[in-house]
Protein backbone atom coordinates (compact mmCIF):
# COMPACT_ATOMS: atom_id res chain seq x y z
CA UNK A 1 -101.63 70.92 -43.30
CA UNK A 2 -101.02 68.37 -40.56
CA UNK A 3 -98.66 65.47 -41.12
CA UNK A 4 -97.62 62.62 -38.85
CA UNK A 5 -94.14 61.12 -38.76
CA UNK A 6 -91.93 58.95 -36.63
CA UNK A 7 -89.55 60.96 -34.45
CA UNK A 8 -86.22 60.08 -36.05
CA UNK A 9 -85.10 56.68 -34.75
CA UNK A 10 -87.00 56.74 -31.46
CA UNK A 11 -88.97 53.50 -31.46
CA UNK A 12 -92.76 53.84 -31.58
CA UNK A 13 -92.61 57.60 -30.97
CA UNK A 14 -94.69 59.66 -33.38
CA UNK A 15 -95.33 63.36 -33.85
CA UNK A 16 -98.00 65.41 -35.57
CA UNK A 17 -96.74 68.64 -37.13
CA UNK A 18 -98.40 71.46 -39.06
CA UNK A 19 -96.60 72.67 -42.17
CA UNK A 20 -97.76 76.24 -41.49
CA UNK A 21 -96.17 76.32 -38.04
CA UNK A 22 -92.71 76.14 -36.52
CA UNK A 23 -91.79 72.45 -36.49
CA UNK A 24 -89.14 70.84 -34.35
CA UNK A 25 -85.51 70.98 -35.40
CA UNK A 26 -82.21 69.53 -34.25
CA UNK A 27 -81.89 72.13 -31.46
CA UNK A 28 -84.57 70.37 -29.41
CA UNK A 29 -82.79 67.04 -29.82
CA UNK A 30 -79.42 68.48 -28.79
CA UNK A 31 -80.95 70.15 -25.74
CA UNK A 32 -82.74 67.00 -24.62
CA UNK A 33 -79.60 64.91 -25.01
CA UNK A 34 -77.58 67.49 -23.04
CA UNK A 35 -79.32 66.15 -19.94
CA UNK A 36 -78.04 63.08 -18.11
CA UNK A 37 -81.17 61.24 -16.89
CA UNK A 38 -81.46 60.69 -13.16
CA UNK A 39 -84.20 59.38 -10.87
CA UNK A 40 -83.78 62.40 -8.59
CA UNK A 41 -85.77 64.54 -11.03
CA UNK A 42 -89.46 64.06 -10.21
CA UNK A 43 -91.05 67.15 -11.75
CA UNK A 44 -89.84 68.48 -15.12
CA UNK A 45 -91.03 71.50 -17.10
CA UNK A 46 -90.47 72.55 -20.71
CA UNK A 47 -90.77 76.29 -21.39
CA UNK A 48 -92.35 76.99 -24.80
CA UNK A 49 -93.02 73.36 -25.59
CA UNK A 50 -94.48 73.97 -29.08
CA UNK A 51 -95.61 70.53 -30.34
CA UNK A 52 -94.18 68.80 -27.22
CA UNK A 53 -91.10 67.37 -28.94
CA UNK A 54 -88.95 67.75 -25.81
CA UNK A 55 -91.45 66.13 -23.39
CA UNK A 56 -92.00 63.28 -25.86
CA UNK A 57 -88.30 62.44 -26.03
CA UNK A 58 -87.80 62.94 -22.30
CA UNK A 59 -90.52 60.38 -21.63
CA UNK A 60 -88.16 57.67 -22.92
CA UNK A 61 -85.66 58.30 -20.14
CA UNK A 62 -87.58 59.20 -17.00
CA UNK A 63 -90.64 58.30 -14.96
CA UNK A 64 -90.94 61.89 -13.76
CA UNK A 65 -94.03 64.02 -14.25
CA UNK A 66 -93.31 66.11 -17.36
CA UNK A 67 -95.14 69.36 -18.09
CA UNK A 68 -94.98 71.72 -21.04
CA UNK A 69 -96.28 75.27 -21.29
CA UNK A 70 -97.12 76.86 -24.65
CA UNK A 71 -98.64 80.28 -25.36
CA UNK A 72 -99.85 79.57 -28.91
CA UNK A 73 -103.26 77.90 -28.86
CA UNK A 74 -102.77 76.01 -32.13
CA UNK A 75 -99.38 74.65 -31.05
CA UNK A 76 -100.89 73.68 -27.69
CA UNK A 77 -103.66 71.71 -29.42
CA UNK A 78 -101.13 69.83 -31.56
CA UNK A 79 -99.01 69.11 -28.47
CA UNK A 80 -102.05 67.58 -26.77
CA UNK A 81 -102.71 65.44 -29.85
CA UNK A 82 -99.10 64.25 -29.76
CA UNK A 83 -99.40 63.22 -26.14
CA UNK A 84 -102.59 61.31 -26.94
CA UNK A 85 -101.31 59.41 -30.00
CA UNK A 86 -98.26 58.28 -28.00
CA UNK A 87 -100.41 57.15 -25.04
CA UNK A 88 -98.59 59.45 -22.64
CA UNK A 89 -101.54 61.33 -21.11
CA UNK A 90 -100.73 59.93 -17.67
CA UNK A 91 -97.15 61.20 -17.82
CA UNK A 92 -97.05 64.43 -19.86
CA UNK A 93 -99.25 67.44 -19.13
CA UNK A 94 -99.55 70.41 -21.49
CA UNK A 95 -100.77 73.89 -20.51
CA UNK A 96 -101.76 76.80 -22.75
CA UNK A 97 -100.47 79.88 -20.98
CA UNK A 98 -97.94 82.67 -20.97
CA UNK A 99 -94.84 81.40 -19.14
CA UNK A 100 -94.74 84.55 -17.02
CA UNK A 101 -98.29 83.92 -15.80
CA UNK A 102 -97.99 80.14 -15.55
CA UNK A 103 -95.16 80.25 -13.01
CA UNK A 104 -96.85 82.70 -10.63
CA UNK A 105 -98.31 79.88 -8.52
CA UNK A 106 -95.46 77.45 -9.22
CA UNK A 107 -92.84 78.75 -6.79
CA UNK A 108 -90.04 76.25 -6.20
CA UNK A 109 -92.07 73.45 -7.78
CA UNK A 110 -89.77 71.99 -10.45
CA UNK A 111 -86.54 70.01 -10.28
CA UNK A 112 -85.59 70.59 -13.90
CA UNK A 113 -86.54 73.08 -16.63
CA UNK A 114 -85.71 72.86 -20.33
CA UNK A 115 -85.91 75.82 -22.68
CA UNK A 116 -85.37 76.12 -26.43
CA UNK A 117 -86.46 79.77 -26.62
CA UNK A 118 -87.02 82.37 -29.32
CA UNK A 119 -83.48 83.32 -30.37
CA UNK A 120 -83.95 86.76 -31.88
CA UNK A 121 -84.74 90.13 -30.39
CA UNK A 122 -87.37 92.11 -32.27
CA UNK A 123 -85.69 94.94 -34.15
CA UNK A 124 -88.31 97.51 -35.05
CA UNK A 125 -85.89 99.19 -37.45
CA UNK A 126 -85.11 96.01 -39.35
CA UNK A 127 -85.89 95.93 -43.05
CA UNK A 128 -87.12 92.39 -42.47
CA UNK A 129 -90.80 93.07 -41.81
CA UNK A 130 -92.07 90.63 -39.20
CA UNK A 131 -95.65 91.40 -40.18
CA UNK A 132 -95.18 89.48 -43.42
CA UNK A 133 -94.27 86.27 -41.63
CA UNK A 134 -96.48 83.60 -40.16
CA UNK A 135 -97.59 84.66 -36.69
CA UNK A 136 -96.54 81.22 -35.48
CA UNK A 137 -92.98 81.65 -36.76
CA UNK A 138 -92.70 85.13 -35.28
CA UNK A 139 -93.67 83.91 -31.82
CA UNK A 140 -91.42 80.84 -32.02
CA UNK A 141 -88.30 82.61 -33.30
CA UNK A 142 -88.53 86.18 -31.99
CA UNK A 143 -88.88 87.61 -28.48
CA UNK A 144 -92.40 88.85 -29.11
CA UNK A 145 -94.12 87.18 -26.15
CA UNK A 146 -91.19 86.77 -23.77
CA UNK A 147 -87.61 88.00 -23.54
CA UNK A 148 -84.49 86.10 -22.54
CA UNK A 149 -84.41 88.02 -19.27
CA UNK A 150 -88.01 87.06 -18.51
CA UNK A 151 -87.31 83.41 -19.31
CA UNK A 152 -84.45 83.26 -16.82
CA UNK A 153 -86.42 85.16 -14.18
CA UNK A 154 -89.32 82.71 -14.66
CA UNK A 155 -86.99 79.72 -14.31
CA UNK A 156 -85.68 81.23 -11.08
CA UNK A 157 -89.19 81.36 -9.64
CA UNK A 158 -90.32 77.92 -10.78
CA UNK A 159 -87.20 75.93 -9.84
CA UNK A 160 -86.50 74.46 -6.44
CA UNK A 161 -83.25 75.42 -4.75
CA UNK A 162 -80.69 73.24 -6.46
CA UNK A 163 -82.97 72.76 -9.46
CA UNK A 164 -81.41 72.55 -12.91
CA UNK A 165 -82.01 74.86 -15.88
CA UNK A 166 -80.99 73.68 -19.36
CA UNK A 167 -80.92 76.19 -22.19
CA UNK A 168 -79.92 76.26 -25.85
CA UNK A 169 -79.33 79.61 -27.53
CA UNK A 170 -77.28 81.52 -30.08
CA UNK A 171 -73.58 81.55 -29.20
CA UNK A 172 -73.47 85.29 -30.00
CA UNK A 173 -75.69 85.90 -26.96
CA UNK A 174 -73.63 83.86 -24.50
CA UNK A 175 -72.28 86.92 -22.67
CA UNK A 176 -75.81 88.22 -22.15
CA UNK A 177 -76.97 84.80 -20.94
CA UNK A 178 -74.14 84.53 -18.41
CA UNK A 179 -74.87 88.02 -17.05
CA UNK A 180 -78.57 87.23 -16.63
CA UNK A 181 -77.94 83.85 -15.01
CA UNK A 182 -75.50 85.39 -12.54
CA UNK A 183 -77.95 88.21 -11.81
CA UNK A 184 -80.57 85.61 -10.85
CA UNK A 185 -78.10 83.61 -8.75
CA UNK A 186 -77.77 80.63 -11.06
CA UNK A 187 -74.46 78.78 -10.92
CA UNK A 188 -73.33 77.99 -14.45
CA UNK A 189 -72.07 74.40 -14.35
CA UNK A 190 -71.54 73.38 -18.00
CA UNK A 191 -71.15 75.19 -21.30
CA UNK A 192 -70.90 73.42 -24.65
CA UNK A 193 -70.57 75.29 -27.93
CA UNK A 194 -72.22 73.85 -31.04
CA UNK A 195 -70.53 74.11 -34.44
CA UNK A 196 -71.95 73.26 -37.83
CA UNK A 197 -68.52 71.96 -38.95
CA UNK A 198 -64.92 72.00 -37.78
CA UNK A 199 -63.12 75.20 -38.71
CA UNK A 200 -66.26 77.32 -38.50
CA UNK A 201 -67.44 79.69 -35.78
CA UNK A 202 -69.83 78.37 -33.14
CA UNK A 203 -73.52 78.79 -33.97
CA UNK A 204 -75.29 77.76 -30.78
CA UNK A 205 -74.48 77.07 -27.15
CA UNK A 206 -75.83 74.65 -24.54
CA UNK A 207 -75.78 75.86 -20.94
CA UNK A 208 -76.53 73.96 -17.74
CA UNK A 209 -77.05 76.02 -14.59
CA UNK A 210 -78.18 75.33 -11.04
CA UNK A 211 -80.52 77.53 -9.04
CA UNK A 212 -78.58 78.82 -6.00
CA UNK A 213 -75.84 76.32 -6.77
CA UNK A 214 -72.13 76.35 -6.01
CA UNK A 215 -69.96 78.19 -8.50
CA UNK A 216 -67.68 76.31 -10.88
CA UNK A 217 -68.04 76.02 -14.64
CA UNK A 218 -66.84 73.31 -17.04
CA UNK A 219 -66.33 74.15 -20.70
CA UNK A 220 -67.10 70.90 -22.51
CA UNK A 221 -65.67 69.64 -25.78
CA UNK A 222 -67.12 71.23 -28.93
CA UNK A 223 -70.18 69.59 -30.46
CA UNK A 224 -69.84 69.29 -34.23
CA UNK A 225 -73.11 68.69 -36.07
CA UNK A 226 -71.85 67.94 -39.59
CA UNK A 227 -68.90 66.25 -41.22
CA UNK A 228 -67.07 67.98 -44.08
CA UNK A 229 -69.37 66.29 -46.61
CA UNK A 230 -72.47 67.64 -44.88
CA UNK A 231 -73.55 64.37 -43.27
CA UNK A 232 -74.25 64.24 -39.56
CA UNK A 233 -71.37 63.36 -37.27
CA UNK A 234 -71.40 60.04 -35.46
CA UNK A 235 -72.03 61.77 -32.12
CA UNK A 236 -75.09 63.57 -33.42
CA UNK A 237 -76.46 60.47 -35.18
CA UNK A 238 -76.37 58.64 -31.84
CA UNK A 239 -78.66 61.34 -30.44
CA UNK A 240 -81.33 60.58 -33.03
CA UNK A 241 -82.70 57.52 -31.27
CA UNK A 242 -82.92 55.43 -28.12
């Protein structure tokens, strides 16, 4: 069933979502807000855009051309609807394609790429049978259609020299991410770990890297999502609107 809501506290920004599909979560907000807007970015791409939540929010902060690529046809159709209802058809462009195929004729085209990817590898021996889950959730959460390695290799192809790649992922995979970024000659510039609450282990990580950039990494202050009482922290609440 489709529903339409305002996007948090972003003024006049609406989103259609389908209750049977993978809807946007806080990860997309945190990733978008990890970027410091700049006029130097003219061509932006979102890998695995789903319902276009990242392009929609980005449109508030840049006049750049924003594109999103999505492999799932139903998610793609909803993304196009979201662009239309927000009157952003002249600014945001959505493509239904496999990322690996989409970038083949996009060499060195983009200044900036965002990616909130599937977090989990597919474990064929797992007792958790993926076949019982919604096909939309499987594709959105598990590396069924594309692996982490393929995502980073695709970003390498599509980005200009000096282009920026912004990624959110599970903190437990940070070593793997660093190895793959280094292998593809990305310079890791910023790392910020995300914690549910103080005193707990990190859950996610935000990573900014530059294609063929100069080495030198900053480890940023921790990002805490919740206070002890379960409410959102002041920093996170500020991310929920313009």
